[in-house]
């Protein structure tokens, strides 16, 4: 079986929050599943209600998906 290329996306709404726990969990899942993490995308202090134009890393992730740079996305 081919190793899956994974992208990780994490986001928090405020400057007081951190994505550290999200990223640690997602990296652990990827390792457990045997996925190769080929990209990490993190938006800090951006509401999930905002559009792609206000979430630059989410926009970059979606462009990578369109280019088939990843087989799977973990968020």
C-alpha atoms as a PDB file:
ATOM      1  CA  UNK A   1       0.000   0.000   0.000  1.00  0.00           C
ATOM      2  CA  UNK A   2       1.222   3.464  -0.880  1.00  0.00           C
ATOM      3  CA  UNK A   3       1.903   5.944   1.914  1.00  0.00           C
ATOM      4  CA  UNK A   4      -0.777   8.627   2.015  1.00  0.00           C
ATOM      5  CA  UNK A   5       0.334  12.252   1.799  1.00  0.00           C
ATOM      6  CA  UNK A   6      -1.396  14.208   4.528  1.00  0.00           C
ATOM      7  CA  UNK A   7      -2.039  17.886   5.115  1.00  0.00           C
ATOM      8  CA  UNK A   8      -2.770  19.158   8.620  1.00  0.00           C
ATOM      9  CA  UNK A   9      -4.966  22.201   9.265  1.00  0.00           C
ATOM     10  CA  UNK A  10      -5.353  23.936  12.625  1.00  0.00           C
ATOM     11  CA  UNK A  11      -7.092  27.183  13.541  1.00  0.00           C
ATOM     12  CA  UNK A  12      -7.865  29.234  16.620  1.00  0.00           C
ATOM     13  CA  UNK A  13     -10.187  32.213  16.917  1.00  0.00           C
ATOM     14  CA  UNK A  14      -8.232  34.486  19.262  1.00  0.00           C
ATOM     15  CA  UNK A  15      -4.662  35.561  19.990  1.00  0.00           C
ATOM     16  CA  UNK A  16      -4.997  34.052  23.487  1.00  0.00           C
ATOM     17  CA  UNK A  17      -5.502  30.564  22.072  1.00  0.00           C
ATOM     18  CA  UNK A  18      -2.859  28.241  20.670  1.00  0.00           C
ATOM     19  CA  UNK A  19      -2.871  25.530  18.036  1.00  0.00           C
ATOM     20  CA  UNK A  20      -0.161  23.517  19.816  1.00  0.00           C
ATOM     21  CA  UNK A  21      -2.538  20.840  21.142  1.00  0.00           C
ATOM     22  CA  UNK A  22      -4.349  20.516  17.822  1.00  0.00           C
ATOM     23  CA  UNK A  23      -1.105  20.096  15.916  1.00  0.00           C
ATOM     24  CA  UNK A  24       0.291  17.575  18.419  1.00  0.00           C
ATOM     25  CA  UNK A  25      -2.870  15.434  18.199  1.00  0.00           C
ATOM     26  CA  UNK A  26      -2.992  15.592  14.411  1.00  0.00           C
ATOM     27  CA  UNK A  27       0.689  14.663  14.118  1.00  0.00           C
ATOM     28  CA  UNK A  28       0.082  11.682  16.422  1.00  0.00           C
ATOM     29  CA  UNK A  29      -2.869  10.523  14.326  1.00  0.00           C
ATOM     30  CA  UNK A  30      -0.791  10.826  11.164  1.00  0.00           C
ATOM     31  CA  UNK A  31       2.038   8.805  12.695  1.00  0.00           C
ATOM     32  CA  UNK A  32      -0.356   6.133  13.967  1.00  0.00           C
ATOM     33  CA  UNK A  33      -2.000   5.855  10.549  1.00  0.00           C
ATOM     34  CA  UNK A  34       1.322   5.787   8.695  1.00  0.00           C
ATOM     35  CA  UNK A  35       0.623   9.018   6.808  1.00  0.00           C
ATOM     36  CA  UNK A  36       3.437  11.259   5.593  1.00  0.00           C
ATOM     37  CA  UNK A  37       2.700  14.842   6.663  1.00  0.00           C
ATOM     38  CA  UNK A  38       3.629  16.953   3.651  1.00  0.00           C
ATOM     39  CA  UNK A  39       2.071  20.230   4.795  1.00  0.00           C
ATOM     40  CA  UNK A  40       0.877  22.023   7.912  1.00  0.00           C
ATOM     41  CA  UNK A  41      -1.493  24.969   7.610  1.00  0.00           C
ATOM     42  CA  UNK A  42      -2.268  27.162  10.628  1.00  0.00           C
ATOM     43  CA  UNK A  43      -4.538  30.194  10.879  1.00  0.00           C
ATOM     44  CA  UNK A  44      -4.171  32.165  14.134  1.00  0.00           C
ATOM     45  CA  UNK A  45      -6.845  34.473  15.539  1.00  0.00           C
ATOM     46  CA  UNK A  46      -9.264  33.948  12.657  1.00  0.00           C
ATOM     47  CA  UNK A  47     -12.914  33.086  13.162  1.00  0.00           C
ATOM     48  CA  UNK A  48     -14.131  29.960  11.410  1.00  0.00           C
ATOM     49  CA  UNK A  49     -17.036  32.061  10.108  1.00  0.00           C
ATOM     50  CA  UNK A  50     -14.630  34.129   7.991  1.00  0.00           C
ATOM     51  CA  UNK A  51     -14.260  33.378   4.305  1.00  0.00           C
ATOM     52  CA  UNK A  52     -11.214  32.088   2.477  1.00  0.00           C
ATOM     53  CA  UNK A  53     -10.014  35.634   1.868  1.00  0.00           C
ATOM     54  CA  UNK A  54      -9.601  36.115   5.651  1.00  0.00           C
ATOM     55  CA  UNK A  55      -8.022  32.683   6.270  1.00  0.00           C
ATOM     56  CA  UNK A  56      -4.838  32.609   4.174  1.00  0.00           C
ATOM     57  CA  UNK A  57      -3.629  29.194   5.289  1.00  0.00           C
ATOM     58  CA  UNK A  58      -7.045  27.623   4.685  1.00  0.00           C
ATOM     59  CA  UNK A  59      -7.004  29.149   1.212  1.00  0.00           C
ATOM     60  CA  UNK A  60      -3.504  27.749   0.609  1.00  0.00           C
ATOM     61  CA  UNK A  61      -4.715  24.326   1.805  1.00  0.00           C
ATOM     62  CA  UNK A  62      -7.664  24.362  -0.601  1.00  0.00           C
ATOM     63  CA  UNK A  63      -5.369  25.292  -3.478  1.00  0.00           C
ATOM     64  CA  UNK A  64      -3.096  22.357  -2.563  1.00  0.00           C
ATOM     65  CA  UNK A  65      -6.114  20.052  -2.563  1.00  0.00           C
ATOM     66  CA  UNK A  66      -7.098  21.282  -6.027  1.00  0.00           C
ATOM     67  CA  UNK A  67      -3.544  20.530  -7.215  1.00  0.00           C
ATOM     68  CA  UNK A  68      -3.769  17.037  -5.649  1.00  0.00           C
ATOM     69  CA  UNK A  69      -0.746  17.668  -3.415  1.00  0.00           C
ATOM     70  CA  UNK A  70      -2.368  15.641  -0.608  1.00  0.00           C
ATOM     71  CA  UNK A  71      -4.321  12.411  -0.366  1.00  0.00           C
ATOM     72  CA  UNK A  72      -5.897  13.251   2.969  1.00  0.00           C
ATOM     73  CA  UNK A  73      -6.557  16.290   5.178  1.00  0.00           C
ATOM     74  CA  UNK A  74      -6.604  16.100   8.973  1.00  0.00           C
ATOM     75  CA  UNK A  75      -8.151  18.993  10.884  1.00  0.00           C
END
